Amino acid sequence: MTNTLTKATRSTLPDGLRTIERRMTQRASSAAVVRRESREEISRIATAHGAGNVRVFGSAGREEAGAHDLDLLVEMATDRNLFDLSQELEDTLGIAVDVVSEGALPPYLRERILAEAPPL
């Protein structure tokens, strides 16, 4: 399946193949583009999972065209987990998503990540 399917061709695909084609198209987009276009959806999902103060770091945070995954820095409610959040984001966005809490940042990267992590 290619990203050049016509609108007419897409409409004749079974639901499962349309979903696969959509995800392949999204994966071909950079994570920075997905971040910009899905900001509200990411925020909604994060809130539903007890995450706040969502910030982006890494290549998507720097708006690099070749960004292939989305790195998010969040503050999580104590009774929630990062895995469920990252899994729903990956399923929804169709790209790899890494979610980390500020306390889990490696000490040698902490200052750099905090300095470059703009709000979602």
PDB file of N, CA and C in Angstrom:
ATOM      1  N   MET A   1       0.856  -1.176   0.000  1.00  0.00           N
ATOM      2  CA  MET A   1       0.000   0.000   0.000  1.00  0.00           C
ATOM      3  C   MET A   1       0.900   1.236   0.000  1.00  0.00           C
ATOM      4  N   THR A   2       0.588   2.200  -0.805  1.00  0.00           N
ATOM      5  CA  THR A   2       1.393   3.409  -0.870  1.00  0.00           C
ATOM      6  C   THR A   2       0.612   4.577  -0.308  1.00  0.00           C
ATOM      7  N   ASN A   3       1.319   5.674  -0.103  1.00  0.00           N
ATOM      8  CA  ASN A   3       0.685   6.892   0.403  1.00  0.00           C
ATOM      9  C   ASN A   3       0.022   7.678  -0.720  1.00  0.00           C
ATOM     10  N   THR A   4       0.038   7.146  -1.938  1.00  0.00           N
ATOM     11  CA  THR A   4      -0.502   7.875  -3.082  1.00  0.00           C
ATOM     12  C   THR A   4      -1.860   7.342  -3.521  1.00  0.00           C
ATOM     13  N   LEU A   5      -2.558   6.645  -2.648  1.00  0.00           N
ATOM     14  CA  LEU A   5      -3.889   6.163  -2.992  1.00  0.00           C
ATOM     15  C   LEU A   5      -4.806   7.342  -3.247  1.00  0.00           C
ATOM     16  N   THR A   6      -5.616   7.220  -4.276  1.00  0.00           N
ATOM     17  CA  THR A   6      -6.562   8.289  -4.574  1.00  0.00           C
ATOM     18  C   THR A   6      -7.717   8.235  -3.590  1.00  0.00           C
ATOM     19  N   LYS A   7      -8.444   9.323  -3.511  1.00  0.00           N
ATOM     20  CA  LYS A   7      -9.604   9.394  -2.619  1.00  0.00           C
ATOM     21  C   LYS A   7     -10.617   8.309  -2.980  1.00  0.00           C
ATOM     22  N   ALA A   8     -10.825   8.091  -4.262  1.00  0.00           N
ATOM     23  CA  ALA A   8     -11.773   7.063  -4.712  1.00  0.00           C
ATOM     24  C   ALA A   8     -11.307   5.672  -4.293  1.00  0.00           C
ATOM     25  N   THR A   9     -10.013   5.399  -4.437  1.00  0.00           N
ATOM     26  CA  THR A   9      -9.471   4.105  -4.045  1.00  0.00           C
ATOM     27  C   THR A   9      -9.625   3.895  -2.548  1.00  0.00           C
ATOM     28  N   ARG A  10      -9.318   4.917  -1.763  1.00  0.00           N
ATOM     29  CA  ARG A  10      -9.453   4.807  -0.302  1.00  0.00           C
ATOM     30  C   ARG A  10     -10.868   4.462   0.098  1.00  0.00           C
ATOM     31  N   SER A  11     -11.850   5.061  -0.569  1.00  0.00           N
ATOM     32  CA  SER A  11     -13.243   4.848  -0.173  1.00  0.00           C
ATOM     33  C   SER A  11     -13.705   3.420  -0.449  1.00  0.00           C
ATOM     34  N   THR A  12     -13.025   2.676  -1.332  1.00  0.00           N
ATOM     35  CA  THR A  12     -13.430   1.307  -1.635  1.00  0.00           C
ATOM     36  C   THR A  12     -12.692   0.274  -0.786  1.00  0.00           C
ATOM     37  N   LEU A  13     -11.726   0.705   0.003  1.00  0.00           N
ATOM     38  CA  LEU A  13     -10.993  -0.219   0.854  1.00  0.00           C
ATOM     39  C   LEU A  13     -11.864  -0.684   2.013  1.00  0.00           C
ATOM     40  N   PRO A  14     -11.722  -1.946   2.428  1.00  0.00           N
ATOM     41  CA  PRO A  14     -12.400  -2.380   3.656  1.00  0.00           C
ATOM     42  C   PRO A  14     -11.870  -1.570   4.837  1.00  0.00           C
ATOM     43  N   ASP A  15     -12.669  -1.466   5.901  1.00  0.00           N
ATOM     44  CA  ASP A  15     -12.301  -0.651   7.056  1.00  0.00           C
ATOM     45  C   ASP A  15     -10.904  -0.960   7.574  1.00  0.00           C
ATOM     46  N   GLY A  16     -10.565  -2.227   7.703  1.00  0.00           N
ATOM     47  CA  GLY A  16      -9.254  -2.600   8.235  1.00  0.00           C
ATOM     48  C   GLY A  16      -8.116  -2.080   7.383  1.00  0.00           C
ATOM     49  N   LEU A  17      -8.257  -2.170   6.074  1.00  0.00           N
ATOM     50  CA  LEU A  17      -7.201  -1.670   5.185  1.00  0.00           C
ATOM     51  C   LEU A  17      -7.139  -0.158   5.186  1.00  0.00           C
ATOM     52  N   ARG A  18      -8.294   0.509   5.325  1.00  0.00           N
ATOM     53  CA  ARG A  18      -8.280   1.965   5.426  1.00  0.00           C
ATOM     54  C   ARG A  18      -7.518   2.404   6.669  1.00  0.00           C
ATOM     55  N   THR A  19      -7.715   1.680   7.767  1.00  0.00           N
ATOM     56  CA  THR A  19      -7.004   1.999   9.005  1.00  0.00           C
ATOM     57  C   THR A  19      -5.500   1.812   8.823  1.00  0.00           C
ATOM     58  N   ILE A  20      -5.117   0.719   8.194  1.00  0.00           N
ATOM     59  CA  ILE A  20      -3.685   0.463   7.944  1.00  0.00           C
ATOM     60  C   ILE A  20      -3.109   1.549   7.044  1.00  0.00           C
ATOM     61  N   GLU A  21      -3.828   1.901   5.974  1.00  0.00           N
ATOM     62  CA  GLU A  21      -3.345   2.928   5.062  1.00  0.00           C
ATOM     63  C   GLU A  21      -3.188   4.262   5.786  1.00  0.00           C
ATOM     64  N   ARG A  22      -4.163   4.613   6.653  1.00  0.00           N
ATOM     65  CA  ARG A  22      -4.088   5.875   7.405  1.00  0.00           C
ATOM     66  C   ARG A  22      -2.868   5.872   8.311  1.00  0.00           C
ATOM     67  N   ARG A  23      -2.639   4.759   8.980  1.00  0.00           N
ATOM     68  CA  ARG A  23      -1.486   4.690   9.880  1.00  0.00           C
ATOM     69  C   ARG A  23      -0.177   4.743   9.123  1.00  0.00           C
ATOM     70  N   MET A  24      -0.113   4.115   7.960  1.00  0.00           N
ATOM     71  CA  MET A  24       1.110   4.178   7.156  1.00  0.00           C
ATOM     72  C   MET A  24       1.368   5.607   6.706  1.00  0.00           C
ATOM     73  N   THR A  25       0.320   6.308   6.333  1.00  0.00           N
ATOM     74  CA  THR A  25       0.460   7.701   5.928  1.00  0.00           C
ATOM     75  C   THR A  25       0.948   8.528   7.101  1.00  0.00           C
ATOM     76  N   GLN A  26       0.386   8.289   8.283  1.00  0.00           N
ATOM     77  CA  GLN A  26       0.805   9.037   9.464  1.00  0.00           C
ATOM     78  C   GLN A  26       2.260   8.732   9.805  1.00  0.00           C
ATOM     79  N   ARG A  27       2.658   7.465   9.719  1.00  0.00           N
ATOM     80  CA  ARG A  27       4.037   7.115  10.032  1.00  0.00           C
ATOM     81  C   ARG A  27       5.001   7.803   9.069  1.00  0.00           C
ATOM     82  N   ALA A  28       4.561   7.996   7.828  1.00  0.00           N
ATOM     83  CA  ALA A  28       5.411   8.676   6.855  1.00  0.00           C
ATOM     84  C   ALA A  28       5.553  10.149   7.212  1.00  0.00           C
ATOM     85  N   SER A  29       4.575  10.700   7.918  1.00  0.00           N
ATOM     86  CA  SER A  29       4.675  12.084   8.374  1.00  0.00           C
ATOM     87  C   SER A  29       5.655  12.131   9.526  1.00  0.00           C
ATOM     88  N   SER A  30       6.268  13.257   9.723  1.00  0.00           N
ATOM     89  CA  SER A  30       7.177  13.347  10.843  1.00  0.00           C
ATOM     90  C   SER A  30       6.384  13.476  12.136  1.00  0.00           C
ATOM     91  N   ALA A  31       7.001  13.075  13.236  1.00  0.00           N
ATOM     92  CA  ALA A  31       6.362  13.186  14.538  1.00  0.00           C
ATOM     93  C   ALA A  31       6.056  14.641  14.870  1.00  0.00           C
ATOM     94  N   ALA A  32       6.874  15.570  14.367  1.00  0.00           N
ATOM     95  CA  ALA A  32       6.631  16.989  14.613  1.00  0.00           C
ATOM     96  C   ALA A  32       5.316  17.423  13.974  1.00  0.00           C
ATOM     97  N   VAL A  33       5.022  16.916  12.778  1.00  0.00           N
ATOM     98  CA  VAL A  33       3.772  17.239  12.097  1.00  0.00           C
ATOM     99  C   VAL A  33       2.595  16.627  12.851  1.00  0.00           C
ATOM    100  N   VAL A  34       2.727  15.365  13.246  1.00  0.00           N
ATOM    101  CA  VAL A  34       1.666  14.698  14.004  1.00  0.00           C
ATOM    102  C   VAL A  34       1.410  15.456  15.301  1.00  0.00           C
ATOM    103  N   ARG A  35       2.468  15.908  15.945  1.00  0.00           N
ATOM    104  CA  ARG A  35       2.325  16.673  17.192  1.00  0.00           C
ATOM    105  C   ARG A  35       1.500  17.936  16.960  1.00  0.00           C
ATOM    106  N   ARG A  36       1.838  18.689  15.935  1.00  0.00           N
ATOM    107  CA  ARG A  36       1.117  19.936  15.650  1.00  0.00           C
ATOM    108  C   ARG A  36      -0.339  19.678  15.312  1.00  0.00           C
ATOM    109  N   GLU A  37      -0.576  18.660  14.502  1.00  0.00           N
ATOM    110  CA  GLU A  37      -1.928  18.385  14.037  1.00  0.00           C
ATOM    111  C   GLU A  37      -2.798  17.681  15.072  1.00  0.00           C
ATOM    112  N   SER A  38      -2.196  17.083  16.081  1.00  0.00           N
ATOM    113  CA  SER A  38      -2.945  16.283  17.062  1.00  0.00           C
ATOM    114  C   SER A  38      -2.840  16.836  18.478  1.00  0.00           C
ATOM    115  N   ARG A  39      -2.451  18.080  18.618  1.00  0.00           N
ATOM    116  CA  ARG A  39      -2.231  18.680  19.931  1.00  0.00           C
ATOM    117  C   ARG A  39      -3.427  18.503  20.868  1.00  0.00           C
ATOM    118  N   GLU A  40      -4.630  18.801  20.391  1.00  0.00           N
ATOM    119  CA  GLU A  40      -5.825  18.695  21.240  1.00  0.00           C
ATOM    120  C   GLU A  40      -6.105  17.251  21.625  1.00  0.00           C
ATOM    121  N   GLU A  41      -5.930  16.332  20.687  1.00  0.00           N
ATOM    122  CA  GLU A  41      -6.165  14.913  20.960  1.00  0.00           C
ATOM    123  C   GLU A  41      -5.164  14.384  21.981  1.00  0.00           C
ATOM    124  N   ILE A  42      -3.903  14.766  21.845  1.00  0.00           N
ATOM    125  CA  ILE A  42      -2.870  14.353  22.798  1.00  0.00           C
ATOM    126  C   ILE A  42      -3.216  14.876  24.186  1.00  0.00           C
ATOM    127  N   SER A  43      -3.603  16.130  24.255  1.00  0.00           N
ATOM    128  CA  SER A  43      -3.958  16.742  25.536  1.00  0.00           C
ATOM    129  C   SER A  43      -5.154  16.036  26.179  1.00  0.00           C
ATOM    130  N   ARG A  44      -6.161  15.721  25.382  1.00  0.00           N
ATOM    131  CA  ARG A  44      -7.352  15.039  25.891  1.00  0.00           C
ATOM    132  C   ARG A  44      -6.995  13.663  26.457  1.00  0.00           C
ATOM    133  N   ILE A  45      -6.203  12.906  25.715  1.00  0.00           N
ATOM    134  CA  ILE A  45      -5.803  11.566  26.151  1.00  0.00           C
ATOM    135  C   ILE A  45      -4.944  11.657  27.410  1.00  0.00           C
ATOM    136  N   ALA A  46      -4.014  12.597  27.435  1.00  0.00           N
ATOM    137  CA  ALA A  46      -3.145  12.765  28.608  1.00  0.00           C
ATOM    138  C   ALA A  46      -3.970  13.078  29.852  1.00  0.00           C
ATOM    139  N   THR A  47      -4.907  13.982  29.732  1.00  0.00           N
ATOM    140  CA  THR A  47      -5.757  14.352  30.861  1.00  0.00           C
ATOM    141  C   THR A  47      -6.563  13.149  31.341  1.00  0.00           C
ATOM    142  N   ALA A  48      -7.110  12.379  30.414  1.00  0.00           N
ATOM    143  CA  ALA A  48      -7.894  11.198  30.769  1.00  0.00           C
ATOM    144  C   ALA A  48      -7.063  10.164  31.522  1.00  0.00           C
ATOM    145  N   HIS A  49      -5.756  10.175  31.308  1.00  0.00           N
ATOM    146  CA  HIS A  49      -4.865   9.216  31.973  1.00  0.00           C
ATOM    147  C   HIS A  49      -4.165   9.812  33.198  1.00  0.00           C
ATOM    148  N   GLY A  50      -4.587  10.987  33.628  1.00  0.00           N
ATOM    149  CA  GLY A  50      -4.013  11.588  34.826  1.00  0.00           C
ATOM    150  C   GLY A  50      -2.689  12.287  34.608  1.00  0.00           C
ATOM    151  N   ALA A  51      -2.406  12.675  33.378  1.00  0.00           N
ATOM    152  CA  ALA A  51      -1.144  13.368  33.076  1.00  0.00           C
ATOM    153  C   ALA A  51      -1.406  14.858  32.906  1.00  0.00           C
ATOM    154  N   GLY A  52      -0.506  15.656  33.436  1.00  0.00           N
ATOM    155  CA  GLY A  52      -0.590  17.096  33.284  1.00  0.00           C
ATOM    156  C   GLY A  52       0.749  17.663  32.893  1.00  0.00           C
ATOM    157  N   ASN A  53       0.774  18.957  32.643  1.00  0.00           N
ATOM    158  CA  ASN A  53       2.000  19.653  32.256  1.00  0.00           C
ATOM    159  C   ASN A  53       2.751  18.880  31.173  1.00  0.00           C
ATOM    160  N   VAL A  54       2.056  18.590  30.084  1.00  0.00           N
ATOM    161  CA  VAL A  54       2.623  17.802  28.986  1.00  0.00           C
ATOM    162  C   VAL A  54       3.571  18.684  28.181  1.00  0.00           C
ATOM    163  N   ARG A  55       4.799  18.210  28.048  1.00  0.00           N
ATOM    164  CA  ARG A  55       5.821  18.917  27.285  1.00  0.00           C
ATOM    165  C   ARG A  55       6.448  17.960  26.284  1.00  0.00           C
ATOM    166  N   VAL A  56       6.973  18.515  25.231  1.00  0.00           N
ATOM    167  CA  VAL A  56       7.567  17.716  24.163  1.00  0.00           C
ATOM    168  C   VAL A  56       9.067  17.936  24.179  1.00  0.00           C
ATOM    169  N   PHE A  57       9.833  16.861  23.996  1.00  0.00           N
ATOM    170  CA  PHE A  57      11.282  17.022  23.886  1.00  0.00           C
ATOM    171  C   PHE A  57      11.793  16.119  22.777  1.00  0.00           C
ATOM    172  N   GLY A  58      13.060  16.157  22.555  1.00  0.00           N
ATOM    173  CA  GLY A  58      13.644  15.352  21.489  1.00  0.00           C
ATOM    174  C   GLY A  58      13.425  15.995  20.136  1.00  0.00           C
ATOM    175  N   SER A  59      13.543  15.182  19.099  1.00  0.00           N
ATOM    176  CA  SER A  59      13.481  15.711  17.730  1.00  0.00           C
ATOM    177  C   SER A  59      12.130  16.341  17.397  1.00  0.00           C
ATOM    178  N   ALA A  60      11.035  15.788  17.900  1.00  0.00           N
ATOM    179  CA  ALA A  60       9.717  16.394  17.638  1.00  0.00           C
ATOM    180  C   ALA A  60       9.585  17.734  18.355  1.00  0.00           C
ATOM    181  N   GLY A  61      10.165  17.847  19.541  1.00  0.00           N
ATOM    182  CA  GLY A  61      10.146  19.114  20.276  1.00  0.00           C
ATOM    183  C   GLY A  61      10.952  20.197  19.581  1.00  0.00           C
ATOM    184  N   ARG A  62      11.988  19.763  18.861  1.00  0.00           N
ATOM    185  CA  ARG A  62      12.815  20.714  18.107  1.00  0.00           C
ATOM    186  C   ARG A  62      12.267  20.943  16.704  1.00  0.00           C
ATOM    187  N   GLU A  63      11.110  20.327  16.401  1.00  0.00           N
ATOM    188  CA  GLU A  63      10.453  20.473  15.098  1.00  0.00           C
ATOM    189  C   GLU A  63      11.315  19.959  13.948  1.00  0.00           C
ATOM    190  N   GLU A  64      12.096  18.915  14.178  1.00  0.00           N
ATOM    191  CA  GLU A  64      12.921  18.348  13.118  1.00  0.00           C
ATOM    192  C   GLU A  64      12.053  17.548  12.157  1.00  0.00           C
ATOM    193  N   ALA A  65      12.283  17.740  10.877  1.00  0.00           N
ATOM    194  CA  ALA A  65      11.469  17.079   9.853  1.00  0.00           C
ATOM    195  C   ALA A  65      11.582  15.564   9.914  1.00  0.00           C
ATOM    196  N   GLY A  66      12.705  15.042  10.297  1.00  0.00           N
ATOM    197  CA  GLY A  66      12.900  13.595  10.318  1.00  0.00           C
ATOM    198  C   GLY A  66      12.506  12.918  11.615  1.00  0.00           C
ATOM    199  N   ALA A  67      11.840  13.622  12.508  1.00  0.00           N
ATOM    200  CA  ALA A  67      11.443  13.036  13.792  1.00  0.00           C
ATOM    201  C   ALA A  67      10.542  11.834  13.535  1.00  0.00           C
ATOM    202  N   HIS A  68      10.890  10.690  14.115  1.00  0.00           N
ATOM    203  CA  HIS A  68      10.108   9.478  13.876  1.00  0.00           C
ATOM    204  C   HIS A  68       9.284   9.035  15.076  1.00  0.00           C
ATOM    205  N   ASP A  69       9.529   9.622  16.235  1.00  0.00           N
ATOM    206  CA  ASP A  69       8.721   9.298  17.402  1.00  0.00           C
ATOM    207  C   ASP A  69       8.448  10.564  18.187  1.00  0.00           C
ATOM    208  N   LEU A  70       7.509  10.468  19.107  1.00  0.00           N
ATOM    209  CA  LEU A  70       7.109  11.611  19.912  1.00  0.00           C
ATOM    210  C   LEU A  70       7.528  11.347  21.348  1.00  0.00           C
ATOM    211  N   ASP A  71       8.377  12.211  21.889  1.00  0.00           N
ATOM    212  CA  ASP A  71       8.846  12.094  23.264  1.00  0.00           C
ATOM    213  C   ASP A  71       8.106  13.117  24.117  1.00  0.00           C
ATOM    214  N   LEU A  72       7.378  12.633  25.130  1.00  0.00           N
ATOM    215  CA  LEU A  72       6.597  13.510  25.988  1.00  0.00           C
ATOM    216  C   LEU A  72       7.079  13.431  27.427  1.00  0.00           C
ATOM    217  N   LEU A  73       7.148  14.574  28.058  1.00  0.00           N
ATOM    218  CA  LEU A  73       7.503  14.702  29.465  1.00  0.00           C
ATOM    219  C   LEU A  73       6.228  15.133  30.182  1.00  0.00           C
ATOM    220  N   VAL A  74       5.814  14.378  31.199  1.00  0.00           N
ATOM    221  CA  VAL A  74       4.538  14.658  31.859  1.00  0.00           C
ATOM    222  C   VAL A  74       4.678  14.592  33.379  1.00  0.00           C
ATOM    223  N   GLU A  75       3.700  15.182  34.046  1.00  0.00           N
ATOM    224  CA  GLU A  75       3.524  14.989  35.485  1.00  0.00           C
ATOM    225  C   GLU A  75       2.320  14.082  35.633  1.00  0.00           C
ATOM    226  N   MET A  76       2.514  12.910  36.256  1.00  0.00           N
ATOM    227  CA  MET A  76       1.447  11.919  36.370  1.00  0.00           C
ATOM    228  C   MET A  76       0.841  11.921  37.767  1.00  0.00           C
ATOM    229  N   ALA A  77      -0.463  11.678  37.818  1.00  0.00           N
ATOM    230  CA  ALA A  77      -1.129  11.449  39.102  1.00  0.00           C
ATOM    231  C   ALA A  77      -0.525  10.182  39.707  1.00  0.00           C
ATOM    232  N   THR A  78      -0.449  10.119  41.009  1.00  0.00           N
ATOM    233  CA  THR A  78       0.248   9.015  41.679  1.00  0.00           C
ATOM    234  C   THR A  78      -0.390   7.652  41.444  1.00  0.00           C
ATOM    235  N   ASP A  79      -1.668   7.600  41.190  1.00  0.00           N
ATOM    236  CA  ASP A  79      -2.333   6.311  41.015  1.00  0.00           C
ATOM    237  C   ASP A  79      -2.468   5.893  39.548  1.00  0.00           C
ATOM    238  N   ARG A  80      -1.755   6.522  38.647  1.00  0.00           N
ATOM    239  CA  ARG A  80      -1.833   6.239  37.210  1.00  0.00           C
ATOM    240  C   ARG A  80      -0.486   5.748  36.698  1.00  0.00           C
ATOM    241  N   ASN A  81      -0.481   5.182  35.486  1.00  0.00           N
ATOM    242  CA  ASN A  81       0.802   4.715  34.948  1.00  0.00           C
ATOM    243  C   ASN A  81       1.045   5.232  33.539  1.00  0.00           C
ATOM    244  N   LEU A  82       2.308   5.336  33.225  1.00  0.00           N
ATOM    245  CA  LEU A  82       2.734   5.875  31.935  1.00  0.00           C
ATOM    246  C   LEU A  82       2.455   4.913  30.781  1.00  0.00           C
ATOM    247  N   PHE A  83       2.488   3.619  31.069  1.00  0.00           N
ATOM    248  CA  PHE A  83       2.329   2.640  29.998  1.00  0.00           C
ATOM    249  C   PHE A  83       0.973   2.776  29.312  1.00  0.00           C
ATOM    250  N   ASP A  84      -0.103   2.862  30.090  1.00  0.00           N
ATOM    251  CA  ASP A  84      -1.437   2.984  29.498  1.00  0.00           C
ATOM    252  C   ASP A  84      -1.543   4.244  28.642  1.00  0.00           C
ATOM    253  N   LEU A  85      -0.972   5.336  29.124  1.00  0.00           N
ATOM    254  CA  LEU A  85      -0.984   6.594  28.385  1.00  0.00           C
ATOM    255  C   LEU A  85      -0.235   6.448  27.068  1.00  0.00           C
ATOM    256  N   SER A  86       0.983   5.934  27.116  1.00  0.00           N
ATOM    257  CA  SER A  86       1.771   5.819  25.883  1.00  0.00           C
ATOM    258  C   SER A  86       1.109   4.858  24.899  1.00  0.00           C
ATOM    259  N   GLN A  87       0.505   3.785  25.398  1.00  0.00           N
ATOM    260  CA  GLN A  87      -0.149   2.823  24.514  1.00  0.00           C
ATOM    261  C   GLN A  87      -1.337   3.450  23.788  1.00  0.00           C
ATOM    262  N   GLU A  88      -2.182   4.201  24.511  1.00  0.00           N
ATOM    263  CA  GLU A  88      -3.324   4.837  23.845  1.00  0.00           C
ATOM    264  C   GLU A  88      -2.867   5.893  22.845  1.00  0.00           C
ATOM    265  N   LEU A  89      -1.824   6.639  23.196  1.00  0.00           N
ATOM    266  CA  LEU A  89      -1.308   7.645  22.266  1.00  0.00           C
ATOM    267  C   LEU A  89      -0.776   6.989  20.997  1.00  0.00           C
ATOM    268  N   GLU A  90      -0.036   5.903  21.132  1.00  0.00           N
ATOM    269  CA  GLU A  90       0.481   5.198  19.961  1.00  0.00           C
ATOM    270  C   GLU A  90      -0.656   4.667  19.098  1.00  0.00           C
ATOM    271  N   ASP A  91      -1.659   4.075  19.740  1.00  0.00           N
ATOM    272  CA  ASP A  91      -2.797   3.536  18.995  1.00  0.00           C
ATOM    273  C   ASP A  91      -3.547   4.639  18.260  1.00  0.00           C
ATOM    274  N   THR A  92      -3.692   5.786  18.883  1.00  0.00           N
ATOM    275  CA  THR A  92      -4.444   6.895  18.296  1.00  0.00           C
ATOM    276  C   THR A  92      -3.655   7.615  17.206  1.00  0.00           C
ATOM    277  N   LEU A  93      -2.379   7.887  17.478  1.00  0.00           N
ATOM    278  CA  LEU A  93      -1.569   8.690  16.560  1.00  0.00           C
ATOM    279  C   LEU A  93      -0.912   7.877  15.451  1.00  0.00           C
ATOM    280  N   GLY A  94      -0.715   6.593  15.691  1.00  0.00           N
ATOM    281  CA  GLY A  94      -0.077   5.758  14.690  1.00  0.00           C
ATOM    282  C   GLY A  94       1.421   5.937  14.585  1.00  0.00           C
ATOM    283  N   ILE A  95       2.040   6.517  15.617  1.00  0.00           N
ATOM    284  CA  ILE A  95       3.498   6.651  15.653  1.00  0.00           C
ATOM    285  C   ILE A  95       3.982   6.189  17.025  1.00  0.00           C
ATOM    286  N   ALA A  96       5.272   5.946  17.147  1.00  0.00           N
ATOM    287  CA  ALA A  96       5.845   5.565  18.437  1.00  0.00           C
ATOM    288  C   ALA A  96       5.810   6.764  19.380  1.00  0.00           C
ATOM    289  N   VAL A  97       5.418   6.524  20.621  1.00  0.00           N
ATOM    290  CA  VAL A  97       5.351   7.584  21.626  1.00  0.00           C
ATOM    291  C   VAL A  97       6.063   7.097  22.879  1.00  0.00           C
ATOM    292  N   ASP A  98       7.024   7.886  23.343  1.00  0.00           N
ATOM    293  CA  ASP A  98       7.712   7.613  24.602  1.00  0.00           C
ATOM    294  C   ASP A  98       7.258   8.658  25.604  1.00  0.00           C
ATOM    295  N   VAL A  99       6.775   8.190  26.761  1.00  0.00           N
ATOM    296  CA  VAL A  99       6.304   9.096  27.796  1.00  0.00           C
ATOM    297  C   VAL A  99       7.165   8.872  29.033  1.00  0.00           C
ATOM    298  N   VAL A 100       7.653   9.962  29.603  1.00  0.00           N
ATOM    299  CA  VAL A 100       8.503   9.882  30.791  1.00  0.00           C
ATOM    300  C   VAL A 100       8.085  10.966  31.775  1.00  0.00           C
ATOM    301  N   SER A 101       8.220  10.650  33.058  1.00  0.00           N
ATOM    302  CA  SER A 101       7.955  11.673  34.080  1.00  0.00           C
ATOM    303  C   SER A 101       9.260  12.396  34.394  1.00  0.00           C
ATOM    304  N   GLU A 102       9.140  13.602  34.872  1.00  0.00           N
ATOM    305  CA  GLU A 102      10.326  14.404  35.165  1.00  0.00           C
ATOM    306  C   GLU A 102      11.260  13.692  36.142  1.00  0.00           C
ATOM    307  N   GLY A 103      10.687  13.022  37.124  1.00  0.00           N
ATOM    308  CA  GLY A 103      11.500  12.317  38.114  1.00  0.00           C
ATOM    309  C   GLY A 103      12.281  11.146  37.550  1.00  0.00           C
ATOM    310  N   ALA A 104      11.860  10.629  36.412  1.00  0.00           N
ATOM    311  CA  ALA A 104      12.532   9.484  35.807  1.00  0.00           C
ATOM    312  C   ALA A 104      13.611   9.878  34.803  1.00  0.00           C
ATOM    313  N   LEU A 105      13.800  11.175  34.589  1.00  0.00           N
ATOM    314  CA  LEU A 105      14.835  11.611  33.649  1.00  0.00           C
ATOM    315  C   LEU A 105      16.214  11.246  34.168  1.00  0.00           C
ATOM    316  N   PRO A 106      17.069  10.734  33.304  1.00  0.00           N
ATOM    317  CA  PRO A 106      18.441  10.434  33.734  1.00  0.00           C
ATOM    318  C   PRO A 106      19.143  11.731  34.144  1.00  0.00           C
ATOM    319  N   PRO A 107      19.862  11.719  35.253  1.00  0.00           N
ATOM    320  CA  PRO A 107      20.509  12.945  35.737  1.00  0.00           C
ATOM    321  C   PRO A 107      21.392  13.631  34.694  1.00  0.00           C
ATOM    322  N   TYR A 108      22.086  12.858  33.876  1.00  0.00           N
ATOM    323  CA  TYR A 108      22.997  13.464  32.902  1.00  0.00           C
ATOM    324  C   TYR A 108      22.263  14.118  31.729  1.00  0.00           C
ATOM    325  N   LEU A 109      20.966  13.843  31.552  1.00  0.00           N
ATOM    326  CA  LEU A 109      20.183  14.459  30.482  1.00  0.00           C
ATOM    327  C   LEU A 109      19.131  15.443  31.010  1.00  0.00           C
ATOM    328  N   ARG A 110      18.912  15.429  32.283  1.00  0.00           N
ATOM    329  CA  ARG A 110      17.820  16.177  32.907  1.00  0.00           C
ATOM    330  C   ARG A 110      17.791  17.658  32.528  1.00  0.00           C
ATOM    331  N   GLU A 111      18.870  18.363  32.736  1.00  0.00           N
ATOM    332  CA  GLU A 111      18.891  19.808  32.470  1.00  0.00           C
ATOM    333  C   GLU A 111      18.643  20.126  31.001  1.00  0.00           C
ATOM    334  N   ARG A 112      19.266  19.348  30.108  1.00  0.00           N
ATOM    335  CA  ARG A 112      19.086  19.588  28.677  1.00  0.00           C
ATOM    336  C   ARG A 112      17.627  19.361  28.265  1.00  0.00           C
ATOM    337  N   ILE A 113      17.024  18.266  28.731  1.00  0.00           N
ATOM    338  CA  ILE A 113      15.633  17.963  28.379  1.00  0.00           C
ATOM    339  C   ILE A 113      14.696  19.019  28.942  1.00  0.00           C
ATOM    340  N   LEU A 114      14.882  19.404  30.196  1.00  0.00           N
ATOM    341  CA  LEU A 114      14.016  20.417  30.790  1.00  0.00           C
ATOM    342  C   LEU A 114      14.142  21.752  30.063  1.00  0.00           C
ATOM    343  N   ALA A 115      15.340  22.077  29.608  1.00  0.00           N
ATOM    344  CA  ALA A 115      15.564  23.346  28.915  1.00  0.00           C
ATOM    345  C   ALA A 115      14.897  23.365  27.531  1.00  0.00           C
ATOM    346  N   GLU A 116      14.815  22.191  26.886  1.00  0.00           N
ATOM    347  CA  GLU A 116      14.295  22.157  25.525  1.00  0.00           C
ATOM    348  C   GLU A 116      12.851  21.679  25.427  1.00  0.00           C
ATOM    349  N   ALA A 117      12.180  21.426  26.541  1.00  0.00           N
ATOM    350  CA  ALA A 117      10.850  20.819  26.511  1.00  0.00           C
ATOM    351  C   ALA A 117       9.740  21.874  26.585  1.00  0.00           C
ATOM    352  N   PRO A 118       9.298  22.382  25.416  1.00  0.00           N
ATOM    353  CA  PRO A 118       8.206  23.351  25.418  1.00  0.00           C
ATOM    354  C   PRO A 118       6.878  22.657  25.724  1.00  0.00           C
ATOM    355  N   PRO A 119       5.915  23.429  26.207  1.00  0.00           N
ATOM    356  CA  PRO A 119       4.587  22.831  26.429  1.00  0.00           C
ATOM    357  C   PRO A 119       4.027  22.294  25.110  1.00  0.00           C
ATOM    358  N   LEU A 120       3.172  21.302  25.235  1.00  0.00           N
ATOM    359  CA  LEU A 120       2.546  20.698  24.073  1.00  0.00           C
ATOM    360  C   LEU A 120       1.918  21.775  23.213  1.00  0.00           C
TER     361      LEU A 120
END
